[in-house]
């Protein structure tokens, strides 16, 4: 019985352990060394600049001061947590640690496309929060905390599940049978 359980659950336990430890290590490195640094502040400012470009496509006139979107009606400061990096790291680690044996090419595409989609979604999120702050200020907090946070997590899970399905159906999966 023990051997059967080990053969069936070993991959799942390995996956959960690698993902869990990976997220702990990522968060320690991110919060202790990366996020307090100047490079991360520059990254947040870059997010503000890209978000301002999205807003200009929507007809909004907004200036960028450092990491803050500014207009006479509203200002939005992009802080740690507004960057989407933790959800991107989760998706990256989930793809890397998933026990499915697929070609490196399939894993590479998952690692490239998934976080890129989340980064683009984050720009839309920031732009929509600014837009809500200007035009629908009463909806800002709900949109910020109750809508976008779960949407971001659900999208990451959908991207991961989509990658698993795509990778498993590629014909490049190596199946192993435990005894």
N, C-alpha and C. Protein backbone atom coordinates (compact mmCIF):
# COMPACT_ATOMS: atom_id res chain seq x y z
N UNK A 1 0.83 -1.20 0.00
CA UNK A 1 0.00 0.00 0.00
C UNK A 1 0.86 1.25 0.00
N UNK A 2 1.90 1.23 0.83
CA UNK A 2 2.79 2.39 0.94
C UNK A 2 3.49 2.67 -0.40
N UNK A 3 3.93 1.61 -1.08
CA UNK A 3 4.59 1.78 -2.38
C UNK A 3 3.61 2.35 -3.41
N UNK A 4 2.37 1.88 -3.39
CA UNK A 4 1.37 2.38 -4.32
C UNK A 4 1.12 3.87 -4.07
N UNK A 5 0.96 4.26 -2.81
CA UNK A 5 0.74 5.66 -2.47
C UNK A 5 1.92 6.51 -2.90
N UNK A 6 3.12 5.99 -2.68
CA UNK A 6 4.32 6.73 -3.07
C UNK A 6 4.37 6.92 -4.59
N UNK A 7 4.01 5.89 -5.34
CA UNK A 7 4.08 5.98 -6.80
C UNK A 7 3.02 6.95 -7.34
N UNK A 8 1.87 7.01 -6.70
CA UNK A 8 0.80 7.88 -7.17
C UNK A 8 0.95 9.31 -6.68
N UNK A 9 1.44 9.49 -5.48
CA UNK A 9 1.46 10.82 -4.88
C UNK A 9 2.83 11.48 -4.87
N UNK A 10 3.86 10.72 -5.20
CA UNK A 10 5.21 11.28 -5.15
C UNK A 10 5.36 12.53 -6.01
N UNK A 11 4.81 12.50 -7.20
CA UNK A 11 4.89 13.66 -8.08
C UNK A 11 4.14 14.85 -7.53
N UNK A 12 2.99 14.60 -6.93
CA UNK A 12 2.19 15.69 -6.36
C UNK A 12 2.91 16.28 -5.15
N UNK A 13 3.40 15.43 -4.25
CA UNK A 13 4.12 15.94 -3.08
C UNK A 13 5.37 16.71 -3.49
N UNK A 14 6.09 16.17 -4.48
CA UNK A 14 7.29 16.85 -4.98
C UNK A 14 6.91 18.21 -5.54
N UNK A 15 5.85 18.26 -6.34
CA UNK A 15 5.40 19.52 -6.93
C UNK A 15 5.04 20.54 -5.84
N UNK A 16 4.23 20.12 -4.87
CA UNK A 16 3.80 21.03 -3.80
C UNK A 16 5.02 21.51 -2.99
N UNK A 17 5.93 20.60 -2.72
CA UNK A 17 7.12 20.98 -1.95
C UNK A 17 7.98 21.98 -2.72
N UNK A 18 8.24 21.68 -3.98
CA UNK A 18 9.07 22.59 -4.78
C UNK A 18 8.40 23.94 -4.94
N UNK A 19 7.10 23.93 -5.24
CA UNK A 19 6.37 25.19 -5.40
C UNK A 19 6.35 25.98 -4.09
N UNK A 20 6.06 25.30 -2.99
CA UNK A 20 6.01 25.98 -1.69
C UNK A 20 7.35 26.55 -1.28
N UNK A 21 8.38 25.75 -1.36
CA UNK A 21 9.72 26.23 -1.01
C UNK A 21 10.15 27.32 -1.98
N UNK A 22 9.86 27.14 -3.25
CA UNK A 22 10.20 28.16 -4.25
C UNK A 22 9.55 29.50 -3.94
N UNK A 23 8.28 29.48 -3.57
CA UNK A 23 7.58 30.73 -3.24
C UNK A 23 8.13 31.36 -1.97
N UNK A 24 8.49 30.54 -0.99
CA UNK A 24 9.09 31.08 0.24
C UNK A 24 10.42 31.75 -0.08
N UNK A 25 11.26 31.06 -0.84
CA UNK A 25 12.56 31.63 -1.21
C UNK A 25 12.36 32.90 -2.04
N UNK A 26 11.46 32.84 -3.03
CA UNK A 26 11.20 34.02 -3.85
C UNK A 26 10.78 35.20 -2.98
N UNK A 27 9.83 34.98 -2.07
CA UNK A 27 9.34 36.08 -1.24
C UNK A 27 10.42 36.64 -0.32
N UNK A 28 11.25 35.78 0.23
CA UNK A 28 12.35 36.27 1.07
C UNK A 28 13.28 37.15 0.25
N UNK A 29 13.71 36.63 -0.90
CA UNK A 29 14.61 37.40 -1.76
C UNK A 29 13.94 38.69 -2.22
N UNK A 30 12.69 38.59 -2.63
CA UNK A 30 11.97 39.75 -3.15
C UNK A 30 11.79 40.83 -2.09
N UNK A 31 11.28 40.45 -0.92
CA UNK A 31 10.99 41.45 0.11
C UNK A 31 12.23 41.98 0.82
N UNK A 32 13.25 41.15 0.95
CA UNK A 32 14.45 41.58 1.68
C UNK A 32 15.43 42.33 0.78
N UNK A 33 15.64 41.83 -0.45
CA UNK A 33 16.69 42.42 -1.28
C UNK A 33 16.18 43.16 -2.52
N UNK A 34 15.18 42.63 -3.18
CA UNK A 34 14.78 43.21 -4.47
C UNK A 34 13.90 44.43 -4.30
N UNK A 35 12.78 44.30 -3.61
CA UNK A 35 11.81 45.41 -3.58
C UNK A 35 12.32 46.68 -2.91
N UNK A 36 13.23 46.63 -1.94
CA UNK A 36 13.73 47.90 -1.39
C UNK A 36 14.74 48.60 -2.32
N UNK A 37 15.20 47.93 -3.35
CA UNK A 37 16.27 48.47 -4.18
C UNK A 37 15.82 49.46 -5.24
N UNK A 38 16.78 50.20 -5.75
CA UNK A 38 16.53 51.20 -6.79
C UNK A 38 16.05 50.57 -8.10
N UNK A 39 16.57 49.40 -8.42
CA UNK A 39 16.15 48.74 -9.67
C UNK A 39 14.65 48.45 -9.64
N UNK A 40 14.15 48.04 -8.49
CA UNK A 40 12.72 47.76 -8.39
C UNK A 40 11.89 49.04 -8.49
N UNK A 41 12.39 50.11 -7.90
CA UNK A 41 11.69 51.40 -8.02
C UNK A 41 11.66 51.84 -9.48
N UNK A 42 12.73 51.59 -10.21
CA UNK A 42 12.75 51.89 -11.65
C UNK A 42 11.75 51.03 -12.40
N UNK A 43 11.62 49.78 -11.97
CA UNK A 43 10.63 48.89 -12.58
C UNK A 43 9.21 49.41 -12.35
N UNK A 44 8.94 49.89 -11.14
CA UNK A 44 7.62 50.46 -10.85
C UNK A 44 7.38 51.71 -11.70
N UNK A 45 8.41 52.52 -11.87
CA UNK A 45 8.30 53.71 -12.72
C UNK A 45 8.04 53.31 -14.17
N UNK A 46 8.67 52.25 -14.61
CA UNK A 46 8.43 51.74 -15.97
C UNK A 46 6.97 51.29 -16.11
N UNK A 47 6.44 50.64 -15.09
CA UNK A 47 5.02 50.26 -15.09
C UNK A 47 4.13 51.49 -15.20
N UNK A 48 4.49 52.56 -14.49
CA UNK A 48 3.71 53.80 -14.57
C UNK A 48 3.77 54.36 -15.99
N UNK A 49 4.94 54.35 -16.60
CA UNK A 49 5.08 54.86 -17.96
C UNK A 49 4.26 54.05 -18.96
N UNK A 50 4.34 52.74 -18.87
CA UNK A 50 3.58 51.89 -19.78
C UNK A 50 2.08 52.03 -19.54
N UNK A 51 1.68 52.15 -18.29
CA UNK A 51 0.26 52.34 -17.98
C UNK A 51 -0.23 53.67 -18.52
N UNK A 52 0.61 54.70 -18.49
CA UNK A 52 0.21 56.00 -19.04
C UNK A 52 -0.02 55.90 -20.54
N UNK A 53 0.74 55.03 -21.20
CA UNK A 53 0.53 54.84 -22.65
C UNK A 53 -0.81 54.15 -22.92
N UNK A 54 -1.16 53.19 -22.08
CA UNK A 54 -2.47 52.55 -22.20
C UNK A 54 -3.57 53.59 -21.98
N UNK A 55 -3.39 54.43 -20.97
CA UNK A 55 -4.39 55.47 -20.67
C UNK A 55 -4.49 56.49 -21.79
N UNK A 56 -3.38 56.82 -22.42
CA UNK A 56 -3.44 57.79 -23.52
C UNK A 56 -4.22 57.21 -24.69
N UNK A 57 -4.16 55.89 -24.88
CA UNK A 57 -4.98 55.26 -25.92
C UNK A 57 -6.47 55.36 -25.60
N UNK A 58 -6.79 55.52 -24.32
CA UNK A 58 -8.18 55.67 -23.89
C UNK A 58 -8.59 57.14 -23.83
N UNK A 59 -7.70 58.03 -24.24
CA UNK A 59 -8.02 59.45 -24.26
C UNK A 59 -7.74 60.18 -22.96
N UNK A 60 -7.07 59.52 -22.02
CA UNK A 60 -6.75 60.15 -20.74
C UNK A 60 -5.43 60.91 -20.85
N UNK A 61 -5.42 62.10 -20.33
CA UNK A 61 -4.18 62.87 -20.26
C UNK A 61 -3.61 62.71 -18.86
N UNK A 62 -2.47 62.07 -18.81
CA UNK A 62 -1.87 61.77 -17.51
C UNK A 62 -0.36 61.99 -17.61
N UNK A 63 0.19 62.55 -16.57
CA UNK A 63 1.64 62.70 -16.47
C UNK A 63 2.18 61.60 -15.57
N UNK A 64 3.45 61.33 -15.73
CA UNK A 64 4.11 60.35 -14.88
C UNK A 64 5.22 61.06 -14.13
N UNK A 65 5.16 60.94 -12.81
CA UNK A 65 6.20 61.48 -11.94
C UNK A 65 6.75 60.31 -11.14
N UNK A 66 7.92 59.83 -11.53
CA UNK A 66 8.49 58.65 -10.88
C UNK A 66 7.61 57.44 -11.14
N UNK A 67 7.01 56.93 -10.11
CA UNK A 67 6.13 55.76 -10.23
C UNK A 67 4.66 56.14 -10.05
N UNK A 68 4.35 57.43 -10.18
CA UNK A 68 3.00 57.93 -9.92
C UNK A 68 2.37 58.48 -11.19
N UNK A 69 1.13 58.05 -11.46
CA UNK A 69 0.32 58.61 -12.53
C UNK A 69 -0.40 59.82 -11.95
N UNK A 70 -0.26 60.99 -12.61
CA UNK A 70 -0.75 62.24 -12.04
C UNK A 70 -1.60 63.00 -13.06
N UNK A 71 -2.73 63.50 -12.58
CA UNK A 71 -3.55 64.45 -13.34
C UNK A 71 -4.22 65.36 -12.31
N UNK A 72 -4.85 66.44 -12.77
CA UNK A 72 -5.53 67.31 -11.81
C UNK A 72 -6.65 66.61 -11.04
N UNK A 73 -7.24 65.56 -11.63
CA UNK A 73 -8.37 64.87 -11.00
C UNK A 73 -7.96 63.77 -10.02
N UNK A 74 -6.80 63.13 -10.29
CA UNK A 74 -6.47 61.91 -9.53
C UNK A 74 -4.99 61.59 -9.68
N UNK A 75 -4.44 61.00 -8.65
CA UNK A 75 -3.07 60.50 -8.71
C UNK A 75 -3.06 59.06 -8.21
N UNK A 76 -2.26 58.25 -8.87
CA UNK A 76 -2.16 56.84 -8.50
C UNK A 76 -0.69 56.48 -8.37
N UNK A 77 -0.27 56.14 -7.16
CA UNK A 77 1.11 55.75 -6.89
C UNK A 77 1.21 54.24 -7.02
N UNK A 78 2.09 53.77 -7.87
CA UNK A 78 2.29 52.34 -8.07
C UNK A 78 3.34 51.87 -7.08
N UNK A 79 2.91 51.05 -6.15
CA UNK A 79 3.77 50.56 -5.07
C UNK A 79 4.01 49.07 -5.22
N UNK A 80 4.87 48.55 -4.34
CA UNK A 80 5.08 47.11 -4.30
C UNK A 80 3.73 46.44 -4.06
N UNK A 81 3.46 45.42 -4.82
CA UNK A 81 2.16 44.76 -4.75
C UNK A 81 1.29 45.14 -5.93
N UNK A 82 1.60 46.28 -6.54
CA UNK A 82 0.87 46.74 -7.74
C UNK A 82 1.60 46.30 -9.00
N UNK A 83 2.55 45.43 -8.86
CA UNK A 83 3.42 45.05 -9.97
C UNK A 83 3.10 43.69 -10.57
N UNK A 84 2.37 42.86 -9.86
CA UNK A 84 2.01 41.53 -10.35
C UNK A 84 3.12 40.51 -10.28
N UNK A 85 4.23 40.88 -9.69
CA UNK A 85 5.40 39.99 -9.71
C UNK A 85 5.17 38.71 -8.92
N UNK A 86 4.48 38.77 -7.80
CA UNK A 86 4.28 37.55 -7.02
C UNK A 86 3.43 36.52 -7.77
N UNK A 87 2.40 36.98 -8.44
CA UNK A 87 1.57 36.04 -9.20
C UNK A 87 2.35 35.51 -10.41
N UNK A 88 3.16 36.37 -11.03
CA UNK A 88 4.01 35.91 -12.13
C UNK A 88 5.01 34.87 -11.62
N UNK A 89 5.58 35.09 -10.45
CA UNK A 89 6.52 34.13 -9.87
C UNK A 89 5.82 32.81 -9.57
N UNK A 90 4.60 32.88 -9.05
CA UNK A 90 3.84 31.65 -8.79
C UNK A 90 3.66 30.86 -10.08
N UNK A 91 3.23 31.53 -11.14
CA UNK A 91 3.01 30.84 -12.42
C UNK A 91 4.32 30.26 -12.95
N UNK A 92 5.38 31.03 -12.88
CA UNK A 92 6.69 30.57 -13.33
C UNK A 92 7.11 29.31 -12.56
N UNK A 93 7.01 29.36 -11.24
CA UNK A 93 7.41 28.22 -10.41
C UNK A 93 6.48 27.02 -10.61
N UNK A 94 5.19 27.28 -10.81
CA UNK A 94 4.25 26.18 -11.04
C UNK A 94 4.59 25.44 -12.34
N UNK A 95 4.93 26.19 -13.38
CA UNK A 95 5.30 25.57 -14.65
C UNK A 95 6.63 24.82 -14.50
N UNK A 96 7.59 25.44 -13.83
CA UNK A 96 8.90 24.81 -13.67
C UNK A 96 8.84 23.54 -12.82
N UNK A 97 7.99 23.53 -11.80
CA UNK A 97 7.98 22.40 -10.87
C UNK A 97 6.94 21.34 -11.22
N UNK A 98 6.07 21.60 -12.20
CA UNK A 98 5.05 20.62 -12.56
C UNK A 98 5.73 19.34 -13.02
N UNK A 99 5.32 18.17 -12.50
CA UNK A 99 6.04 16.93 -12.78
C UNK A 99 5.86 16.39 -14.19
N UNK A 100 5.02 16.98 -14.99
CA UNK A 100 4.83 16.54 -16.36
C UNK A 100 6.15 16.67 -17.12
N UNK A 101 6.56 15.60 -17.76
CA UNK A 101 7.80 15.63 -18.53
C UNK A 101 7.47 16.01 -19.97
N UNK A 102 7.76 17.24 -20.31
CA UNK A 102 7.50 17.73 -21.66
C UNK A 102 8.81 18.25 -22.23
N UNK A 103 8.78 18.57 -23.51
CA UNK A 103 10.00 19.10 -24.11
C UNK A 103 10.35 20.44 -23.47
N UNK A 104 11.60 20.77 -23.51
CA UNK A 104 12.04 22.07 -22.98
C UNK A 104 11.38 23.21 -23.73
N UNK A 105 11.13 22.99 -25.00
CA UNK A 105 10.50 24.02 -25.83
C UNK A 105 9.10 24.35 -25.31
N UNK A 106 8.32 23.33 -24.97
CA UNK A 106 6.97 23.55 -24.42
C UNK A 106 7.04 24.26 -23.08
N UNK A 107 7.97 23.88 -22.24
CA UNK A 107 8.11 24.53 -20.94
C UNK A 107 8.56 25.99 -21.14
N UNK A 108 9.50 26.20 -22.06
CA UNK A 108 9.98 27.56 -22.37
C UNK A 108 8.81 28.45 -22.79
N UNK A 109 7.95 27.94 -23.68
CA UNK A 109 6.82 28.76 -24.14
C UNK A 109 5.86 29.09 -23.01
N UNK A 110 5.64 28.15 -22.12
CA UNK A 110 4.82 28.43 -20.95
C UNK A 110 5.43 29.50 -20.07
N UNK A 111 6.75 29.42 -19.88
CA UNK A 111 7.46 30.39 -19.04
C UNK A 111 7.52 31.76 -19.70
N UNK A 112 7.49 31.80 -21.00
CA UNK A 112 7.53 33.08 -21.72
C UNK A 112 6.14 33.71 -21.81
N UNK A 113 5.17 32.95 -22.25
CA UNK A 113 3.84 33.49 -22.52
C UNK A 113 3.07 33.80 -21.24
N UNK A 114 3.07 32.90 -20.28
CA UNK A 114 2.26 33.11 -19.07
C UNK A 114 2.59 34.39 -18.33
N UNK A 115 3.83 34.57 -17.89
CA UNK A 115 4.17 35.81 -17.19
C UNK A 115 4.02 37.06 -18.06
N UNK A 116 4.23 36.93 -19.37
CA UNK A 116 4.04 38.08 -20.27
C UNK A 116 2.57 38.50 -20.30
N UNK A 117 1.68 37.51 -20.36
CA UNK A 117 0.24 37.82 -20.33
C UNK A 117 -0.12 38.50 -19.01
N UNK A 118 0.42 37.99 -17.91
CA UNK A 118 0.13 38.59 -16.60
C UNK A 118 0.69 40.01 -16.51
N UNK A 119 1.87 40.25 -17.08
CA UNK A 119 2.44 41.60 -17.06
C UNK A 119 1.57 42.56 -17.87
N UNK A 120 1.07 42.11 -19.02
CA UNK A 120 0.16 42.93 -19.82
C UNK A 120 -1.14 43.19 -19.09
N UNK A 121 -1.66 42.15 -18.44
CA UNK A 121 -2.89 42.31 -17.66
C UNK A 121 -2.67 43.30 -16.53
N UNK A 122 -1.49 43.29 -15.94
CA UNK A 122 -1.22 44.23 -14.85
C UNK A 122 -1.24 45.67 -15.35
N UNK A 123 -0.74 45.91 -16.56
CA UNK A 123 -0.82 47.27 -17.12
C UNK A 123 -2.27 47.70 -17.30
N UNK A 124 -3.10 46.78 -17.77
CA UNK A 124 -4.53 47.08 -17.89
C UNK A 124 -5.16 47.32 -16.53
N UNK A 125 -4.73 46.56 -15.54
CA UNK A 125 -5.24 46.72 -14.18
C UNK A 125 -4.90 48.11 -13.64
N UNK A 126 -3.66 48.52 -13.76
CA UNK A 126 -3.25 49.84 -13.28
C UNK A 126 -4.01 50.93 -14.02
N UNK A 127 -4.10 50.79 -15.34
CA UNK A 127 -4.82 51.79 -16.14
C UNK A 127 -6.29 51.86 -15.73
N UNK A 128 -6.91 50.70 -15.50
CA UNK A 128 -8.32 50.70 -15.12
C UNK A 128 -8.52 51.30 -13.73
N UNK A 129 -7.55 51.08 -12.84
CA UNK A 129 -7.66 51.68 -11.50
C UNK A 129 -7.55 53.20 -11.58
N UNK A 130 -6.64 53.69 -12.41
CA UNK A 130 -6.52 55.14 -12.60
C UNK A 130 -7.82 55.68 -13.20
N UNK A 131 -8.31 55.02 -14.23
CA UNK A 131 -9.53 55.44 -14.91
C UNK A 131 -10.70 55.47 -13.92
N UNK A 132 -10.80 54.43 -13.09
CA UNK A 132 -11.86 54.40 -12.07
C UNK A 132 -11.68 55.53 -11.08
N UNK A 133 -10.44 55.80 -10.69
CA UNK A 133 -10.19 56.88 -9.74
C UNK A 133 -10.62 58.23 -10.27
N UNK A 134 -10.48 58.44 -11.57
CA UNK A 134 -10.88 59.71 -12.20
C UNK A 134 -12.39 59.76 -12.41
N UNK A 135 -12.96 58.71 -12.97
CA UNK A 135 -14.36 58.74 -13.42
C UNK A 135 -15.35 58.09 -12.46
N UNK A 136 -14.91 57.15 -11.66
CA UNK A 136 -15.79 56.43 -10.74
C UNK A 136 -15.10 56.25 -9.39
N UNK A 137 -14.81 57.35 -8.70
CA UNK A 137 -14.01 57.25 -7.47
C UNK A 137 -14.62 56.35 -6.40
N UNK A 138 -15.93 56.23 -6.35
CA UNK A 138 -16.55 55.35 -5.35
C UNK A 138 -16.29 53.87 -5.63
N UNK A 139 -15.96 53.56 -6.87
CA UNK A 139 -15.70 52.16 -7.24
C UNK A 139 -14.23 51.80 -7.12
N UNK A 140 -13.37 52.77 -6.90
CA UNK A 140 -11.92 52.50 -6.92
C UNK A 140 -11.51 51.41 -5.94
N UNK A 141 -11.88 51.55 -4.69
CA UNK A 141 -11.42 50.61 -3.66
C UNK A 141 -11.94 49.20 -3.93
N UNK A 142 -13.20 49.08 -4.34
CA UNK A 142 -13.76 47.76 -4.65
C UNK A 142 -13.03 47.14 -5.83
N UNK A 143 -12.80 47.93 -6.86
CA UNK A 143 -12.08 47.44 -8.03
C UNK A 143 -10.65 47.03 -7.66
N UNK A 144 -10.02 47.83 -6.84
CA UNK A 144 -8.63 47.58 -6.44
C UNK A 144 -8.49 46.31 -5.60
N UNK A 145 -9.31 46.18 -4.57
CA UNK A 145 -9.13 45.08 -3.62
C UNK A 145 -10.00 43.85 -3.91
N UNK A 146 -11.24 44.07 -4.33
CA UNK A 146 -12.18 42.95 -4.43
C UNK A 146 -12.33 42.37 -5.82
N UNK A 147 -11.94 43.13 -6.84
CA UNK A 147 -12.10 42.64 -8.22
C UNK A 147 -10.75 42.21 -8.79
N UNK A 148 -9.81 43.13 -8.87
CA UNK A 148 -8.56 42.83 -9.57
C UNK A 148 -7.70 41.79 -8.88
N UNK A 149 -7.64 41.77 -7.58
CA UNK A 149 -6.78 40.77 -6.93
C UNK A 149 -7.24 39.34 -7.23
N UNK A 150 -8.53 39.01 -7.05
CA UNK A 150 -8.93 37.65 -7.41
C UNK A 150 -8.85 37.37 -8.91
N UNK A 151 -9.15 38.38 -9.74
CA UNK A 151 -9.06 38.18 -11.19
C UNK A 151 -7.64 37.79 -11.57
N UNK A 152 -6.67 38.48 -11.00
CA UNK A 152 -5.27 38.20 -11.31
C UNK A 152 -4.91 36.77 -10.94
N UNK A 153 -5.35 36.32 -9.78
CA UNK A 153 -5.05 34.96 -9.34
C UNK A 153 -5.74 33.94 -10.23
N UNK A 154 -7.01 34.17 -10.55
CA UNK A 154 -7.75 33.25 -11.40
C UNK A 154 -7.12 33.16 -12.79
N UNK A 155 -6.73 34.30 -13.34
CA UNK A 155 -6.08 34.29 -14.66
C UNK A 155 -4.78 33.49 -14.62
N UNK A 156 -4.00 33.64 -13.57
CA UNK A 156 -2.76 32.87 -13.44
C UNK A 156 -3.07 31.37 -13.39
N UNK A 157 -4.09 30.99 -12.64
CA UNK A 157 -4.46 29.57 -12.55
C UNK A 157 -4.97 29.05 -13.89
N UNK A 158 -5.73 29.86 -14.60
CA UNK A 158 -6.23 29.45 -15.92
C UNK A 158 -5.06 29.31 -16.90
N UNK A 159 -4.12 30.24 -16.86
CA UNK A 159 -2.94 30.13 -17.73
C UNK A 159 -2.15 28.86 -17.42
N UNK A 160 -2.00 28.56 -16.15
CA UNK A 160 -1.28 27.37 -15.75
C UNK A 160 -2.01 26.10 -16.22
N UNK A 161 -3.32 26.05 -15.99
CA UNK A 161 -4.11 24.89 -16.42
C UNK A 161 -4.09 24.75 -17.94
N UNK A 162 -4.13 25.86 -18.64
CA UNK A 162 -4.06 25.84 -20.10
C UNK A 162 -2.72 25.31 -20.56
N UNK A 163 -1.66 25.75 -19.90
CA UNK A 163 -0.33 25.24 -20.26
C UNK A 163 -0.25 23.74 -20.01
N UNK A 164 -0.76 23.28 -18.87
CA UNK A 164 -0.72 21.84 -18.56
C UNK A 164 -1.44 21.06 -19.66
N UNK A 165 -2.61 21.52 -20.01
CA UNK A 165 -3.40 20.82 -21.04
C UNK A 165 -2.66 20.82 -22.38
N UNK A 166 -2.12 21.99 -22.75
CA UNK A 166 -1.39 22.12 -24.01
C UNK A 166 -0.15 21.23 -24.01
N UNK A 167 0.60 21.25 -22.92
CA UNK A 167 1.82 20.46 -22.84
C UNK A 167 1.51 18.97 -22.83
N UNK A 168 0.43 18.57 -22.15
CA UNK A 168 0.06 17.16 -22.08
C UNK A 168 -0.45 16.64 -23.42
N UNK A 169 -1.06 17.48 -24.20
CA UNK A 169 -1.60 17.08 -25.50
C UNK A 169 -0.63 17.26 -26.64
N UNK A 170 0.60 17.57 -26.32
CA UNK A 170 1.57 17.85 -27.37
C UNK A 170 2.10 16.63 -28.05
N UNK A 171 1.90 15.47 -27.48
CA UNK A 171 2.48 14.28 -28.04
C UNK A 171 3.94 14.11 -27.63
N UNK A 172 4.45 15.08 -26.87
CA UNK A 172 5.85 15.04 -26.44
C UNK A 172 5.97 14.65 -24.98
N UNK A 173 4.90 14.18 -24.39
CA UNK A 173 4.91 13.82 -22.97
C UNK A 173 5.50 12.43 -22.81
N UNK A 174 6.36 12.30 -21.85
CA UNK A 174 6.94 11.01 -21.52
C UNK A 174 6.19 10.49 -20.31
N UNK A 175 5.46 9.40 -20.47
CA UNK A 175 4.68 8.82 -19.38
C UNK A 175 5.52 7.74 -18.70
N UNK A 176 5.43 7.72 -17.40
CA UNK A 176 6.09 6.64 -16.67
C UNK A 176 5.04 5.96 -15.81
N UNK A 177 5.19 4.65 -15.69
CA UNK A 177 4.23 3.88 -14.92
C UNK A 177 4.94 3.35 -13.69
N UNK A 178 4.36 3.63 -12.53
CA UNK A 178 4.93 3.11 -11.28
C UNK A 178 4.37 1.75 -10.95
N UNK A 179 5.14 0.93 -10.31
CA UNK A 179 4.68 -0.42 -9.93
C UNK A 179 4.46 -0.49 -8.46
